[in-house]
PDB file of N, CA and C in Angstrom:
ATOM      1  N   UNK A   1     -27.199  12.684   0.565  1.00  0.00           N
ATOM      2  CA  UNK A   1     -27.324  11.824   1.746  1.00  0.00           C
ATOM      3  C   UNK A   1     -27.431  10.446   1.409  1.00  0.00           C
ATOM      4  N   UNK A   2     -26.632   9.772   2.058  1.00  0.00           N
ATOM      5  CA  UNK A   2     -26.168   8.440   2.045  1.00  0.00           C
ATOM      6  C   UNK A   2     -27.305   7.675   2.802  1.00  0.00           C
ATOM      7  N   UNK A   3     -27.971   6.377   2.479  1.00  0.00           N
ATOM      8  CA  UNK A   3     -28.818   5.769   2.865  1.00  0.00           C
ATOM      9  C   UNK A   3     -28.260   4.894   4.308  1.00  0.00           C
ATOM     10  N   UNK A   4     -29.100   4.862   5.145  1.00  0.00           N
ATOM     11  CA  UNK A   4     -28.602   4.078   6.222  1.00  0.00           C
ATOM     12  C   UNK A   4     -27.866   2.680   5.779  1.00  0.00           C
ATOM     13  N   UNK A   5     -28.461   2.010   5.123  1.00  0.00           N
ATOM     14  CA  UNK A   5     -28.236   0.782   4.517  1.00  0.00           C
ATOM     15  C   UNK A   5     -26.618   0.745   3.838  1.00  0.00           C
ATOM     16  N   UNK A   6     -26.461   1.831   3.387  1.00  0.00           N
ATOM     17  CA  UNK A   6     -25.172   2.051   2.645  1.00  0.00           C
ATOM     18  C   UNK A   6     -24.157   2.086   3.764  1.00  0.00           C
ATOM     19  N   UNK A   7     -24.620   3.146   4.873  1.00  0.00           N
ATOM     20  CA  UNK A   7     -23.540   3.146   5.983  1.00  0.00           C
ATOM     21  C   UNK A   7     -23.245   2.215   6.628  1.00  0.00           C
ATOM     22  N   UNK A   8     -23.882   1.480   7.044  1.00  0.00           N
ATOM     23  CA  UNK A   8     -23.926  -0.025   7.678  1.00  0.00           C
ATOM     24  C   UNK A   8     -22.906  -0.675   6.748  1.00  0.00           C
ATOM     25  N   UNK A   9     -22.942  -0.824   5.425  1.00  0.00           N
ATOM     26  CA  UNK A   9     -22.123  -1.617   4.286  1.00  0.00           C
ATOM     27  C   UNK A   9     -20.852  -1.080   4.727  1.00  0.00           C
ATOM     28  N   UNK A  10     -20.574   0.343   4.594  1.00  0.00           N
ATOM     29  CA  UNK A  10     -19.481   0.830   4.463  1.00  0.00           C
ATOM     30  C   UNK A  10     -18.812   0.806   5.797  1.00  0.00           C
ATOM     31  N   UNK A  11     -19.429   0.870   6.861  1.00  0.00           N
ATOM     32  CA  UNK A  11     -18.703   0.541   8.273  1.00  0.00           C
ATOM     33  C   UNK A  11     -18.544  -0.798   8.385  1.00  0.00           C
ATOM     34  N   UNK A  12     -19.017  -1.626   7.871  1.00  0.00           N
ATOM     35  CA  UNK A  12     -18.324  -3.213   7.890  1.00  0.00           C
ATOM     36  C   UNK A  12     -16.886  -2.917   7.071  1.00  0.00           C
ATOM     37  N   UNK A  13     -17.111  -2.556   6.002  1.00  0.00           N
ATOM     38  CA  UNK A  13     -15.887  -2.492   5.031  1.00  0.00           C
ATOM     39  C   UNK A  13     -14.761  -1.756   5.969  1.00  0.00           C
ATOM     40  N   UNK A  14     -14.875  -0.799   6.559  1.00  0.00           N
ATOM     41  CA  UNK A  14     -14.005  -0.041   7.234  1.00  0.00           C
ATOM     42  C   UNK A  14     -13.419  -0.776   8.457  1.00  0.00           C
ATOM     43  N   UNK A  15     -14.265  -1.293   8.945  1.00  0.00           N
ATOM     44  CA  UNK A  15     -14.010  -2.437  10.211  1.00  0.00           C
ATOM     45  C   UNK A  15     -13.110  -3.486   9.918  1.00  0.00           C
ATOM     46  N   UNK A  16     -13.056  -3.886   8.661  1.00  0.00           N
ATOM     47  CA  UNK A  16     -12.279  -4.865   8.218  1.00  0.00           C
ATOM     48  C   UNK A  16     -10.852  -4.751   7.826  1.00  0.00           C
ATOM     49  N   UNK A  17      -9.802  -5.451   8.827  1.00  0.00           N
ATOM     50  CA  UNK A  17      -8.682  -4.758   8.746  1.00  0.00           C
ATOM     51  C   UNK A  17      -7.824  -5.546   7.579  1.00  0.00           C
ATOM     52  N   UNK A  18      -8.310  -6.159   6.811  1.00  0.00           N
ATOM     53  CA  UNK A  18      -7.801  -6.809   5.721  1.00  0.00           C
ATOM     54  C   UNK A  18      -7.831  -5.873   4.326  1.00  0.00           C
ATOM     55  N   UNK A  19      -9.422  -5.008   4.325  1.00  0.00           N
ATOM     56  CA  UNK A  19      -9.274  -4.140   3.341  1.00  0.00           C
ATOM     57  C   UNK A  19      -9.351  -2.507   3.994  1.00  0.00           C
ATOM     58  N   UNK A  20      -9.406  -1.794   3.084  1.00  0.00           N
ATOM     59  CA  UNK A  20      -9.556  -0.461   3.601  1.00  0.00           C
ATOM     60  C   UNK A  20      -9.290   0.560   2.574  1.00  0.00           C
ATOM     61  N   UNK A  21      -9.278   1.705   2.827  1.00  0.00           N
ATOM     62  CA  UNK A  21      -9.444   2.768   1.863  1.00  0.00           C
ATOM     63  C   UNK A  21      -8.299   3.844   1.864  1.00  0.00           C
ATOM     64  N   UNK A  22      -7.612   4.143   0.831  1.00  0.00           N
ATOM     65  CA  UNK A  22      -6.457   5.058   1.204  1.00  0.00           C
ATOM     66  C   UNK A  22      -6.763   6.440   1.023  1.00  0.00           C
ATOM     67  N   UNK A  23      -8.085   6.673   0.264  1.00  0.00           N
ATOM     68  CA  UNK A  23      -8.563   8.021   0.389  1.00  0.00           C
ATOM     69  C   UNK A  23      -9.811   8.262   0.495  1.00  0.00           C
ATOM     70  N   UNK A  24     -10.152   9.250   0.624  1.00  0.00           N
ATOM     71  CA  UNK A  24     -11.961   9.512   0.543  1.00  0.00           C
ATOM     72  C   UNK A  24     -12.298   9.562  -0.445  1.00  0.00           C
ATOM     73  N   UNK A  25     -11.504   9.794  -1.613  1.00  0.00           N
ATOM     74  CA  UNK A  25     -11.943   9.414  -2.923  1.00  0.00           C
ATOM     75  C   UNK A  25     -12.362   8.296  -3.618  1.00  0.00           C
ATOM     76  N   UNK A  26     -11.438   7.420  -3.005  1.00  0.00           N
ATOM     77  CA  UNK A  26     -11.743   5.798  -3.346  1.00  0.00           C
ATOM     78  C   UNK A  26     -12.984   5.422  -2.632  1.00  0.00           C
ATOM     79  N   UNK A  27     -13.189   6.105  -1.275  1.00  0.00           N
ATOM     80  CA  UNK A  27     -14.352   5.531  -0.471  1.00  0.00           C
ATOM     81  C   UNK A  27     -15.596   6.173  -1.303  1.00  0.00           C
ATOM     82  N   UNK A  28     -15.583   7.172  -1.910  1.00  0.00           N
ATOM     83  CA  UNK A  28     -16.778   7.735  -2.707  1.00  0.00           C
ATOM     84  C   UNK A  28     -16.910   6.668  -4.140  1.00  0.00           C
ATOM     85  N   UNK A  29     -15.734   6.562  -4.907  1.00  0.00           N
ATOM     86  CA  UNK A  29     -15.767   5.623  -5.530  1.00  0.00           C
ATOM     87  C   UNK A  29     -16.336   4.118  -5.462  1.00  0.00           C
ATOM     88  N   UNK A  30     -15.954   3.697  -4.223  1.00  0.00           N
ATOM     89  CA  UNK A  30     -16.695   2.409  -3.835  1.00  0.00           C
ATOM     90  C   UNK A  30     -17.970   2.598  -3.738  1.00  0.00           C
ATOM     91  N   UNK A  31     -18.349   3.646  -2.841  1.00  0.00           N
ATOM     92  CA  UNK A  31     -19.930   3.655  -3.032  1.00  0.00           C
ATOM     93  C   UNK A  31     -20.693   3.888  -3.936  1.00  0.00           C
ATOM     94  N   UNK A  32     -19.880   4.370  -5.255  1.00  0.00           N
ATOM     95  CA  UNK A  32     -20.924   4.672  -6.429  1.00  0.00           C
ATOM     96  C   UNK A  32     -20.878   3.264  -7.270  1.00  0.00           C
ATOM     97  N   UNK A  33     -19.706   2.615  -7.169  1.00  0.00           N
ATOM     98  CA  UNK A  33     -19.608   1.316  -8.072  1.00  0.00           C
ATOM     99  C   UNK A  33     -20.033   0.160  -7.613  1.00  0.00           C
ATOM    100  N   UNK A  34     -20.007   0.018  -6.088  1.00  0.00           N
ATOM    101  CA  UNK A  34     -20.511  -1.155  -5.395  1.00  0.00           C
ATOM    102  C   UNK A  34     -21.906  -0.957  -5.030  1.00  0.00           C
ATOM    103  N   UNK A  35     -22.050   0.321  -4.547  1.00  0.00           N
ATOM    104  CA  UNK A  35     -23.701   0.383  -3.861  1.00  0.00           C
ATOM    105  C   UNK A  35     -24.493   1.060  -4.876  1.00  0.00           C
ATOM    106  N   UNK A  36     -24.124   1.654  -5.945  1.00  0.00           N
ATOM    107  CA  UNK A  36     -24.821   2.743  -6.695  1.00  0.00           C
ATOM    108  C   UNK A  36     -25.556   4.038  -5.843  1.00  0.00           C
ATOM    109  N   UNK A  37     -24.547   4.296  -4.961  1.00  0.00           N
ATOM    110  CA  UNK A  37     -24.706   5.569  -4.372  1.00  0.00           C
ATOM    111  C   UNK A  37     -23.639   6.612  -4.456  1.00  0.00           C
ATOM    112  N   UNK A  38     -24.516   7.786  -5.013  1.00  0.00           N
ATOM    113  CA  UNK A  38     -23.672   8.917  -5.218  1.00  0.00           C
ATOM    114  C   UNK A  38     -23.629   9.847  -4.180  1.00  0.00           C
ATOM    115  N   UNK A  39     -22.636  10.680  -4.002  1.00  0.00           N
ATOM    116  CA  UNK A  39     -22.221  11.315  -2.633  1.00  0.00           C
ATOM    117  C   UNK A  39     -20.849  12.294  -2.977  1.00  0.00           C
ATOM    118  N   UNK A  40     -21.216  13.577  -2.490  1.00  0.00           N
ATOM    119  CA  UNK A  40     -20.358  14.328  -2.658  1.00  0.00           C
ATOM    120  C   UNK A  40     -18.999  14.125  -1.997  1.00  0.00           C
ATOM    121  N   UNK A  41     -17.923  14.558  -2.069  1.00  0.00           N
ATOM    122  CA  UNK A  41     -16.473  14.208  -1.565  1.00  0.00           C
ATOM    123  C   UNK A  41     -16.753  14.781   0.025  1.00  0.00           C
ATOM    124  N   UNK A  42     -17.292  15.975   0.191  1.00  0.00           N
ATOM    125  CA  UNK A  42     -17.535  16.471   1.646  1.00  0.00           C
ATOM    126  C   UNK A  42     -18.515  15.959   2.580  1.00  0.00           C
ATOM    127  N   UNK A  43     -19.482  15.123   2.018  1.00  0.00           N
ATOM    128  CA  UNK A  43     -20.238  14.332   2.510  1.00  0.00           C
ATOM    129  C   UNK A  43     -19.741  12.866   3.218  1.00  0.00           C
ATOM    130  N   UNK A  44     -18.852  12.286   2.169  1.00  0.00           N
ATOM    131  CA  UNK A  44     -18.101  11.079   2.323  1.00  0.00           C
ATOM    132  C   UNK A  44     -17.220  11.576   3.368  1.00  0.00           C
ATOM    133  N   UNK A  45     -16.332  12.426   3.254  1.00  0.00           N
ATOM    134  CA  UNK A  45     -15.484  12.961   4.304  1.00  0.00           C
ATOM    135  C   UNK A  45     -16.086  12.965   5.811  1.00  0.00           C
ATOM    136  N   UNK A  46     -17.119  13.826   5.764  1.00  0.00           N
ATOM    137  CA  UNK A  46     -17.715  13.986   7.191  1.00  0.00           C
ATOM    138  C   UNK A  46     -18.240  12.768   7.524  1.00  0.00           C
ATOM    139  N   UNK A  47     -19.014  12.093   6.904  1.00  0.00           N
ATOM    140  CA  UNK A  47     -19.742  10.744   7.372  1.00  0.00           C
ATOM    141  C   UNK A  47     -18.377   9.572   7.878  1.00  0.00           C
ATOM    142  N   UNK A  48     -17.313   9.689   7.219  1.00  0.00           N
ATOM    143  CA  UNK A  48     -16.416   8.542   7.650  1.00  0.00           C
ATOM    144  C   UNK A  48     -15.493   9.263   8.537  1.00  0.00           C
ATOM    145  N   UNK A  49     -14.926  10.376   8.478  1.00  0.00           N
ATOM    146  CA  UNK A  49     -14.073  10.696   9.548  1.00  0.00           C
ATOM    147  C   UNK A  49     -14.673  11.289  10.993  1.00  0.00           C
ATOM    148  N   UNK A  50     -16.013  11.876  10.825  1.00  0.00           N
ATOM    149  CA  UNK A  50     -16.658  12.304  12.197  1.00  0.00           C
ATOM    150  C   UNK A  50     -17.919  11.678  12.578  1.00  0.00           C
ATOM    151  N   UNK A  51     -18.729  11.032  11.701  1.00  0.00           N
ATOM    152  CA  UNK A  51     -19.871  10.304  12.329  1.00  0.00           C
ATOM    153  C   UNK A  51     -19.269   8.712  12.467  1.00  0.00           C
ATOM    154  N   UNK A  52     -18.505   8.160  11.554  1.00  0.00           N
ATOM    155  CA  UNK A  52     -18.101   6.986  11.780  1.00  0.00           C
ATOM    156  C   UNK A  52     -16.661   6.730  12.466  1.00  0.00           C
ATOM    157  N   UNK A  53     -16.116   7.852  13.013  1.00  0.00           N
ATOM    158  CA  UNK A  53     -14.764   7.873  13.552  1.00  0.00           C
ATOM    159  C   UNK A  53     -13.941   7.085  12.824  1.00  0.00           C
ATOM    160  N   UNK A  54     -13.850   6.823  11.649  1.00  0.00           N
ATOM    161  CA  UNK A  54     -12.631   5.979  11.318  1.00  0.00           C
ATOM    162  C   UNK A  54     -11.486   6.695  10.332  1.00  0.00           C
ATOM    163  N   UNK A  55     -10.417   6.136  10.399  1.00  0.00           N
ATOM    164  CA  UNK A  55      -9.285   6.554   9.750  1.00  0.00           C
ATOM    165  C   UNK A  55      -8.834   5.937   8.810  1.00  0.00           C
ATOM    166  N   UNK A  56      -8.459   6.578   7.686  1.00  0.00           N
ATOM    167  CA  UNK A  56      -8.088   5.758   6.238  1.00  0.00           C
ATOM    168  C   UNK A  56      -6.848   5.173   6.789  1.00  0.00           C
ATOM    169  N   UNK A  57      -6.553   4.227   5.998  1.00  0.00           N
ATOM    170  CA  UNK A  57      -5.389   3.414   6.017  1.00  0.00           C
ATOM    171  C   UNK A  57      -4.126   4.178   5.167  1.00  0.00           C
ATOM    172  N   UNK A  58      -2.780   4.532   5.930  1.00  0.00           N
ATOM    173  CA  UNK A  58      -1.784   5.173   5.387  1.00  0.00           C
ATOM    174  C   UNK A  58      -0.463   4.658   5.851  1.00  0.00           C
ATOM    175  N   UNK A  59       0.504   4.616   5.032  1.00  0.00           N
ATOM    176  CA  UNK A  59       1.642   4.098   5.145  1.00  0.00           C
ATOM    177  C   UNK A  59       2.493   4.916   5.725  1.00  0.00           C
ATOM    178  N   UNK A  60       3.295   4.374   6.687  1.00  0.00           N
ATOM    179  CA  UNK A  60       4.427   5.110   7.273  1.00  0.00           C
ATOM    180  C   UNK A  60       5.141   5.661   6.450  1.00  0.00           C
ATOM    181  N   UNK A  61       5.832   7.135   6.533  1.00  0.00           N
ATOM    182  CA  UNK A  61       6.859   7.636   5.328  1.00  0.00           C
ATOM    183  C   UNK A  61       7.755   6.928   5.619  1.00  0.00           C
ATOM    184  N   UNK A  62       8.831   6.744   4.330  1.00  0.00           N
ATOM    185  CA  UNK A  62      10.147   6.207   4.702  1.00  0.00           C
ATOM    186  C   UNK A  62      10.952   7.143   3.689  1.00  0.00           C
ATOM    187  N   UNK A  63      12.078   7.475   4.426  1.00  0.00           N
ATOM    188  CA  UNK A  63      12.858   8.508   3.470  1.00  0.00           C
ATOM    189  C   UNK A  63      13.533   7.901   2.210  1.00  0.00           C
ATOM    190  N   UNK A  64      13.430   8.298   1.025  1.00  0.00           N
ATOM    191  CA  UNK A  64      14.011   7.687  -0.315  1.00  0.00           C
ATOM    192  C   UNK A  64      15.333   7.418  -0.327  1.00  0.00           C
ATOM    193  N   UNK A  65      16.264   8.075   0.784  1.00  0.00           N
ATOM    194  CA  UNK A  65      17.818   7.688   0.865  1.00  0.00           C
ATOM    195  C   UNK A  65      18.014   6.570   2.112  1.00  0.00           C
ATOM    196  N   UNK A  66      17.082   6.259   3.052  1.00  0.00           N
ATOM    197  CA  UNK A  66      17.109   5.160   3.657  1.00  0.00           C
ATOM    198  C   UNK A  66      17.753   4.073   3.388  1.00  0.00           C
ATOM    199  N   UNK A  67      18.978   3.413   4.143  1.00  0.00           N
ATOM    200  CA  UNK A  67      19.815   2.554   3.918  1.00  0.00           C
ATOM    201  C   UNK A  67      19.248   1.333   4.963  1.00  0.00           C
ATOM    202  N   UNK A  68      18.674   0.197   4.028  1.00  0.00           N
ATOM    203  CA  UNK A  68      18.126  -0.730   4.860  1.00  0.00           C
ATOM    204  C   UNK A  68      18.862  -1.598   5.504  1.00  0.00           C
ATOM    205  N   UNK A  69      20.452  -1.724   4.982  1.00  0.00           N
ATOM    206  CA  UNK A  69      21.449  -2.604   5.786  1.00  0.00           C
ATOM    207  C   UNK A  69      21.701  -1.727   7.026  1.00  0.00           C
ATOM    208  N   UNK A  70      21.818  -0.495   6.991  1.00  0.00           N
ATOM    209  CA  UNK A  70      22.346   0.198   8.071  1.00  0.00           C
ATOM    210  C   UNK A  70      21.359   0.142   9.279  1.00  0.00           C
ATOM    211  N   UNK A  71      20.020   0.307   8.687  1.00  0.00           N
ATOM    212  CA  UNK A  71      18.805   0.192   9.468  1.00  0.00           C
ATOM    213  C   UNK A  71      18.877  -1.236  10.408  1.00  0.00           C
ATOM    214  N   UNK A  72      19.222  -2.367   9.495  1.00  0.00           N
ATOM    215  CA  UNK A  72      18.959  -3.595  10.462  1.00  0.00           C
ATOM    216  C   UNK A  72      19.962  -3.806  11.285  1.00  0.00           C
ATOM    217  N   UNK A  73      21.413  -3.303  10.649  1.00  0.00           N
ATOM    218  CA  UNK A  73      22.570  -2.862  11.893  1.00  0.00           C
ATOM    219  C   UNK A  73      22.218  -2.426  13.092  1.00  0.00           C
ATOM    220  N   UNK A  74      21.487  -1.137  12.755  1.00  0.00           N
ATOM    221  CA  UNK A  74      21.212  -0.351  14.305  1.00  0.00           C
ATOM    222  C   UNK A  74      20.413  -1.248  14.939  1.00  0.00           C
ATOM    223  N   UNK A  75      19.484  -2.146  14.365  1.00  0.00           N
ATOM    224  CA  UNK A  75      18.319  -2.677  15.262  1.00  0.00           C
ATOM    225  C   UNK A  75      19.126  -3.614  15.948  1.00  0.00           C
ATOM    226  N   UNK A  76      19.805  -4.363  15.298  1.00  0.00           N
ATOM    227  CA  UNK A  76      20.758  -5.227  16.260  1.00  0.00           C
ATOM    228  C   UNK A  76      21.701  -5.176  17.002  1.00  0.00           C
ATOM    229  N   UNK A  77      22.344  -3.798  16.749  1.00  0.00           N
ATOM    230  CA  UNK A  77      23.257  -3.405  17.994  1.00  0.00           C
ATOM    231  C   UNK A  77      22.574  -2.413  19.162  1.00  0.00           C
ATOM    232  N   UNK A  78      21.543  -1.907  18.928  1.00  0.00           N
ATOM    233  CA  UNK A  78      21.093  -1.109  19.974  1.00  0.00           C
ATOM    234  C   UNK A  78      20.338  -1.560  21.021  1.00  0.00           C
ATOM    235  N   UNK A  79      20.258  -0.960  22.162  1.00  0.00           N
ATOM    236  CA  UNK A  79      19.763  -1.548  23.236  1.00  0.00           C
ATOM    237  C   UNK A  79      18.347  -1.540  23.195  1.00  0.00           C
ATOM    238  N   UNK A  80      17.501  -2.560  23.542  1.00  0.00           N
ATOM    239  CA  UNK A  80      16.214  -2.458  23.749  1.00  0.00           C
ATOM    240  C   UNK A  80      15.645  -1.784  25.287  1.00  0.00           C
ATOM    241  N   UNK A  81      14.352  -1.287  25.251  1.00  0.00           N
ATOM    242  CA  UNK A  81      14.332  -0.627  26.373  1.00  0.00           C
ATOM    243  C   UNK A  81      12.603  -1.613  26.903  1.00  0.00           C
TER     244      UNK A  81
END
């Protein structure tokens, strides 16, 4: 069980656009190290995803063979909508 004061602190951290978490394990570690609150992974996942309605930060995937020069050329020559 995560105390209400810890949930409030976590919500403020999740609402801050400059900071965020990449995984629920990072949230779990932050709770433990910063707030001294121990919680199971499933508890953290349910709290963040369903009760708080937050989504973790995730980078958009980029193909390893993507040519950045060709991409820029495409952007310059393609029509905008």
